[in-house]
Amino acid sequence: SELVRQVMRFQPLAVGLLEVSELNLFQIEMELRQIDEKPSVQAFLADIRDRAAVDRAFKEFQPNVVFHAAAYKHVPMQEAFPWEAVQNNIAGTRNLVEASIASGIERFVLVSTDKAVRPTNVMGATKRVAELLVSCRNGTGPVRFMAVRFGNVMGSSGSAIPIFRDQI
């Protein structure tokens, strides 16, 4: 949601939202519809692990730029369920990369994590592989692929800040 809010500062004509969480999708869609100079908003309830669903969303919306921030973010949960992290963070990224190439988008931005620098856990390792999937596609076609790394983002899903606040 915060990434969408930041993108809105550039006044896009249209925004496509693809989200697996029904509540999160509803909330950000309603927030965007309240903006005075609102863009065209199209919401897609879908899982990035489902290539057919991703393809349908891309075909219907036809994006120019993709910001990919979908990932599991809770380190202990990923350690307990590593194959889910692999499916979501790696296979889901691959689905988005392939759909982006097939759709002929201009730019693809992967939002990664500081934990990918020297991975010591499943989250860092899966996000590092996602970065490599993205970077290895540069120069193979017209799409410009890039990755950015962030640490804890205040108020984001998976942020450790609320946990620290509760512990204090």
C-alpha atoms as a PDB file:
ATOM      1  CA  SER A   1       0.000   0.000   0.000  1.00  0.00           C
ATOM      2  CA  GLU A   2       2.768   2.419   0.820  1.00  0.00           C
ATOM      3  CA  LEU A   3       4.418   1.784  -2.526  1.00  0.00           C
ATOM      4  CA  VAL A   4       1.121   2.607  -4.266  1.00  0.00           C
ATOM      5  CA  ARG A   5       0.872   5.841  -2.257  1.00  0.00           C
ATOM      6  CA  GLN A   6       4.357   6.812  -3.402  1.00  0.00           C
ATOM      7  CA  VAL A   7       3.564   5.989  -7.039  1.00  0.00           C
ATOM      8  CA  MET A   8       0.489   8.224  -6.806  1.00  0.00           C
ATOM      9  CA  ARG A   9       2.763  11.251  -6.362  1.00  0.00           C
ATOM     10  CA  PHE A  10       3.644  10.872 -10.074  1.00  0.00           C
ATOM     11  CA  GLN A  11      -0.027  11.135 -11.074  1.00  0.00           C
ATOM     12  CA  PRO A  12      -0.355   7.985 -13.181  1.00  0.00           C
ATOM     13  CA  LEU A  13      -3.309   7.763 -15.553  1.00  0.00           C
ATOM     14  CA  ALA A  14      -4.112   4.255 -14.352  1.00  0.00           C
ATOM     15  CA  VAL A  15      -3.085   1.964 -11.524  1.00  0.00           C
ATOM     16  CA  GLY A  16      -3.477  -1.795 -11.511  1.00  0.00           C
ATOM     17  CA  LEU A  17      -3.423  -3.500  -8.134  1.00  0.00           C
ATOM     18  CA  LEU A  18      -2.692  -7.217  -7.895  1.00  0.00           C
ATOM     19  CA  GLU A  19      -2.979  -8.562  -4.371  1.00  0.00           C
ATOM     20  CA  VAL A  20      -3.606 -11.951  -2.762  1.00  0.00           C
ATOM     21  CA  SER A  21      -5.136 -10.452   0.393  1.00  0.00           C
ATOM     22  CA  GLU A  22      -8.771  -9.526  -0.147  1.00  0.00           C
ATOM     23  CA  LEU A  23      -8.762  -7.067   2.772  1.00  0.00           C
ATOM     24  CA  ASN A  24      -5.553  -5.305   1.735  1.00  0.00           C
ATOM     25  CA  LEU A  25      -6.747  -5.044  -1.866  1.00  0.00           C
ATOM     26  CA  PHE A  26     -10.105  -3.617  -0.783  1.00  0.00           C
ATOM     27  CA  GLN A  27      -8.491  -1.074   1.553  1.00  0.00           C
ATOM     28  CA  ILE A  28      -6.001   0.360  -0.945  1.00  0.00           C
ATOM     29  CA  GLU A  29      -8.578   0.371  -3.745  1.00  0.00           C
ATOM     30  CA  MET A  30     -11.001   2.355  -1.563  1.00  0.00           C
ATOM     31  CA  GLU A  31      -8.219   4.732  -0.534  1.00  0.00           C
ATOM     32  CA  LEU A  32      -7.334   5.436  -4.179  1.00  0.00           C
ATOM     33  CA  ARG A  33     -10.963   6.031  -5.092  1.00  0.00           C
ATOM     34  CA  GLN A  34     -11.093   8.842  -2.470  1.00  0.00           C
ATOM     35  CA  ILE A  35      -8.365  10.907  -4.162  1.00  0.00           C
ATOM     36  CA  ASP A  36      -9.571  14.072  -5.897  1.00  0.00           C
ATOM     37  CA  GLU A  37      -7.632  13.622  -9.127  1.00  0.00           C
ATOM     38  CA  LYS A  38      -7.938   9.871  -9.067  1.00  0.00           C
ATOM     39  CA  PRO A  39      -6.456   7.637 -11.698  1.00  0.00           C
ATOM     40  CA  SER A  40      -8.336   4.781 -13.271  1.00  0.00           C
ATOM     41  CA  VAL A  41      -8.015   1.973 -10.715  1.00  0.00           C
ATOM     42  CA  GLN A  42      -8.285  -1.694 -11.572  1.00  0.00           C
ATOM     43  CA  ALA A  43      -8.012  -4.308  -8.830  1.00  0.00           C
ATOM     44  CA  PHE A  44      -7.098  -7.965  -9.297  1.00  0.00           C
ATOM     45  CA  LEU A  45      -7.488 -10.478  -6.487  1.00  0.00           C
ATOM     46  CA  ALA A  46      -4.861 -13.022  -7.462  1.00  0.00           C
ATOM     47  CA  ASP A  47      -1.865 -15.000  -6.256  1.00  0.00           C
ATOM     48  CA  ILE A  48       1.417 -14.388  -8.103  1.00  0.00           C
ATOM     49  CA  ARG A  49       2.111 -18.124  -7.808  1.00  0.00           C
ATOM     50  CA  ASP A  50      -0.789 -18.694 -10.225  1.00  0.00           C
ATOM     51  CA  ARG A  51       0.673 -17.929 -13.660  1.00  0.00           C
ATOM     52  CA  ALA A  52      -2.726 -18.077 -15.400  1.00  0.00           C
ATOM     53  CA  ALA A  53      -4.142 -15.474 -12.981  1.00  0.00           C
ATOM     54  CA  VAL A  54      -1.105 -13.239 -13.496  1.00  0.00           C
ATOM     55  CA  ASP A  55      -1.453 -13.558 -17.277  1.00  0.00           C
ATOM     56  CA  ARG A  56      -5.152 -12.649 -17.102  1.00  0.00           C
ATOM     57  CA  ALA A  57      -4.402  -9.534 -15.053  1.00  0.00           C
ATOM     58  CA  PHE A  58      -1.615  -8.444 -17.413  1.00  0.00           C
ATOM     59  CA  LYS A  59      -3.766  -9.061 -20.479  1.00  0.00           C
ATOM     60  CA  GLU A  60      -6.667  -7.072 -19.049  1.00  0.00           C
ATOM     61  CA  PHE A  61      -4.697  -4.172 -17.556  1.00  0.00           C
ATOM     62  CA  GLN A  62      -1.698  -3.987 -19.954  1.00  0.00           C
ATOM     63  CA  PRO A  63       0.751  -2.247 -17.597  1.00  0.00           C
ATOM     64  CA  ASN A  64       3.718  -0.148 -18.729  1.00  0.00           C
ATOM     65  CA  VAL A  65       5.603  -0.419 -15.437  1.00  0.00           C
ATOM     66  CA  VAL A  66       5.465  -3.178 -12.825  1.00  0.00           C
ATOM     67  CA  PHE A  67       6.426  -2.644  -9.185  1.00  0.00           C
ATOM     68  CA  HIS A  68       6.760  -6.089  -7.624  1.00  0.00           C
ATOM     69  CA  ALA A  69       6.610  -5.921  -3.840  1.00  0.00           C
ATOM     70  CA  ALA A  70       4.786  -9.200  -3.246  1.00  0.00           C
ATOM     71  CA  ALA A  71       6.734 -11.427  -0.895  1.00  0.00           C
ATOM     72  CA  TYR A  72       6.493 -13.273   2.330  1.00  0.00           C
ATOM     73  CA  LYS A  73       8.156 -11.060   4.915  1.00  0.00           C
ATOM     74  CA  HIS A  74       8.089 -12.809   8.284  1.00  0.00           C
ATOM     75  CA  VAL A  75      11.447 -14.525   8.761  1.00  0.00           C
ATOM     76  CA  PRO A  76      10.307 -17.077  11.408  1.00  0.00           C
ATOM     77  CA  MET A  77       7.329 -18.173   9.283  1.00  0.00           C
ATOM     78  CA  GLN A  78       9.563 -18.667   6.262  1.00  0.00           C
ATOM     79  CA  GLU A  79      12.002 -20.695   8.316  1.00  0.00           C
ATOM     80  CA  ALA A  80       9.092 -22.916   9.403  1.00  0.00           C
ATOM     81  CA  PHE A  81       7.640 -23.174   5.860  1.00  0.00           C
ATOM     82  CA  PRO A  82      10.595 -22.782   3.484  1.00  0.00           C
ATOM     83  CA  TRP A  83       8.881 -24.299   0.439  1.00  0.00           C
ATOM     84  CA  GLU A  84       6.088 -21.741   0.696  1.00  0.00           C
ATOM     85  CA  ALA A  85       8.705 -18.978   0.713  1.00  0.00           C
ATOM     86  CA  VAL A  86      10.359 -20.515  -2.362  1.00  0.00           C
ATOM     87  CA  GLN A  87       7.031 -20.765  -4.182  1.00  0.00           C
ATOM     88  CA  ASN A  88       5.986 -17.216  -3.350  1.00  0.00           C
ATOM     89  CA  ASN A  89       9.247 -15.276  -3.443  1.00  0.00           C
ATOM     90  CA  ILE A  90      10.965 -17.142  -6.293  1.00  0.00           C
ATOM     91  CA  ALA A  91       8.307 -18.845  -8.432  1.00  0.00           C
ATOM     92  CA  GLY A  92       5.942 -15.887  -8.033  1.00  0.00           C
ATOM     93  CA  THR A  93       8.686 -13.499  -9.147  1.00  0.00           C
ATOM     94  CA  ARG A  94       9.431 -15.722 -12.145  1.00  0.00           C
ATOM     95  CA  ASN A  95       5.740 -15.635 -13.106  1.00  0.00           C
ATOM     96  CA  LEU A  96       5.720 -11.836 -12.965  1.00  0.00           C
ATOM     97  CA  VAL A  97       8.975 -11.557 -14.944  1.00  0.00           C
ATOM     98  CA  GLU A  98       7.697 -13.890 -17.672  1.00  0.00           C
ATOM     99  CA  ALA A  99       4.314 -12.148 -17.850  1.00  0.00           C
ATOM    100  CA  SER A 100       6.091  -8.787 -18.063  1.00  0.00           C
ATOM    101  CA  ILE A 101       8.235  -9.937 -20.973  1.00  0.00           C
ATOM    102  CA  ALA A 102       5.223 -11.447 -22.766  1.00  0.00           C
ATOM    103  CA  SER A 103       3.253  -8.227 -22.237  1.00  0.00           C
ATOM    104  CA  GLY A 104       6.038  -5.974 -23.493  1.00  0.00           C
ATOM    105  CA  ILE A 105       6.177  -3.683 -20.462  1.00  0.00           C
ATOM    106  CA  GLU A 106       8.794  -0.913 -20.293  1.00  0.00           C
ATOM    107  CA  ARG A 107      10.135  -1.332 -16.753  1.00  0.00           C
ATOM    108  CA  PHE A 108      10.037  -3.887 -13.966  1.00  0.00           C
ATOM    109  CA  VAL A 109      11.069  -2.923 -10.431  1.00  0.00           C
ATOM    110  CA  LEU A 110      11.549  -5.624  -7.814  1.00  0.00           C
ATOM    111  CA  VAL A 111      11.273  -4.389  -4.246  1.00  0.00           C
ATOM    112  CA  SER A 112      13.717  -6.568  -2.354  1.00  0.00           C
ATOM    113  CA  THR A 113      15.144  -6.572   1.152  1.00  0.00           C
ATOM    114  CA  ASP A 114      18.390  -5.716   2.872  1.00  0.00           C
ATOM    115  CA  LYS A 115      18.388  -9.361   4.017  1.00  0.00           C
ATOM    116  CA  ALA A 116      19.341 -10.379   0.445  1.00  0.00           C
ATOM    117  CA  VAL A 117      22.819  -8.831   0.781  1.00  0.00           C
ATOM    118  CA  ARG A 118      24.381 -11.820   2.549  1.00  0.00           C
ATOM    119  CA  PRO A 119      21.484 -14.213   3.085  1.00  0.00           C
ATOM    120  CA  THR A 120      21.485 -16.044   6.408  1.00  0.00           C
ATOM    121  CA  ASN A 121      17.864 -17.181   6.346  1.00  0.00           C
ATOM    122  CA  VAL A 122      15.184 -18.401   3.946  1.00  0.00           C
ATOM    123  CA  MET A 123      13.775 -14.928   3.393  1.00  0.00           C
ATOM    124  CA  GLY A 124      17.125 -13.430   2.435  1.00  0.00           C
ATOM    125  CA  ALA A 125      18.005 -16.394   0.223  1.00  0.00           C
ATOM    126  CA  THR A 126      14.684 -16.417  -1.645  1.00  0.00           C
ATOM    127  CA  LYS A 127      14.770 -12.659  -2.164  1.00  0.00           C
ATOM    128  CA  ARG A 128      18.375 -12.894  -3.416  1.00  0.00           C
ATOM    129  CA  VAL A 129      17.325 -15.533  -5.952  1.00  0.00           C
ATOM    130  CA  ALA A 130      14.444 -13.248  -6.988  1.00  0.00           C
ATOM    131  CA  GLU A 131      16.956 -10.425  -7.516  1.00  0.00           C
ATOM    132  CA  LEU A 132      19.091 -12.705  -9.679  1.00  0.00           C
ATOM    133  CA  LEU A 133      16.042 -13.779 -11.709  1.00  0.00           C
ATOM    134  CA  VAL A 134      15.287 -10.131 -12.384  1.00  0.00           C
ATOM    135  CA  SER A 135      18.835  -8.975 -13.095  1.00  0.00           C
ATOM    136  CA  CYS A 136      19.668 -11.849 -15.445  1.00  0.00           C
ATOM    137  CA  ARG A 137      16.818 -10.773 -17.763  1.00  0.00           C
ATOM    138  CA  ASN A 138      18.379  -7.363 -18.435  1.00  0.00           C
ATOM    139  CA  GLY A 139      19.755  -7.093 -21.938  1.00  0.00           C
ATOM    140  CA  THR A 140      17.663  -9.982 -23.224  1.00  0.00           C
ATOM    141  CA  GLY A 141      14.884  -7.777 -24.559  1.00  0.00           C
ATOM    142  CA  PRO A 142      13.338  -4.337 -24.371  1.00  0.00           C
ATOM    143  CA  VAL A 143      12.187  -4.543 -20.723  1.00  0.00           C
ATOM    144  CA  ARG A 144      14.418  -2.738 -18.211  1.00  0.00           C
ATOM    145  CA  PHE A 145      14.640  -4.829 -15.051  1.00  0.00           C
ATOM    146  CA  MET A 146      15.867  -3.431 -11.755  1.00  0.00           C
ATOM    147  CA  ALA A 147      15.794  -4.208  -8.045  1.00  0.00           C
ATOM    148  CA  VAL A 148      15.810  -1.962  -5.011  1.00  0.00           C
ATOM    149  CA  ARG A 149      16.485  -3.050  -1.455  1.00  0.00           C
ATOM    150  CA  PHE A 150      14.691  -1.746   1.593  1.00  0.00           C
ATOM    151  CA  GLY A 151      15.005  -2.555   5.256  1.00  0.00           C
ATOM    152  CA  ASN A 152      12.058  -2.341   7.612  1.00  0.00           C
ATOM    153  CA  VAL A 153       9.447   0.013   6.190  1.00  0.00           C
ATOM    154  CA  MET A 154       7.347   1.634   8.908  1.00  0.00           C
ATOM    155  CA  GLY A 155       3.770   0.419   8.789  1.00  0.00           C
ATOM    156  CA  SER A 156       4.368  -2.131   6.039  1.00  0.00           C
ATOM    157  CA  SER A 157       3.129  -5.685   6.129  1.00  0.00           C
ATOM    158  CA  GLY A 158       5.820  -7.714   7.841  1.00  0.00           C
ATOM    159  CA  SER A 159       7.422  -4.753   9.573  1.00  0.00           C
ATOM    160  CA  ALA A 160       9.190  -5.663  12.799  1.00  0.00           C
ATOM    161  CA  ILE A 161       8.396  -2.269  14.328  1.00  0.00           C
ATOM    162  CA  PRO A 162       5.035  -3.319  15.861  1.00  0.00           C
ATOM    163  CA  ILE A 163       6.708  -6.382  17.398  1.00  0.00           C
ATOM    164  CA  PHE A 164       9.462  -4.237  18.912  1.00  0.00           C
ATOM    165  CA  ARG A 165       6.862  -1.771  20.226  1.00  0.00           C
ATOM    166  CA  ASP A 166       4.921  -4.613  21.895  1.00  0.00           C
ATOM    167  CA  GLN A 167       8.112  -6.006  23.452  1.00  0.00           C
ATOM    168  CA  ILE A 168       9.018  -2.611  24.902  1.00  0.00           C
END
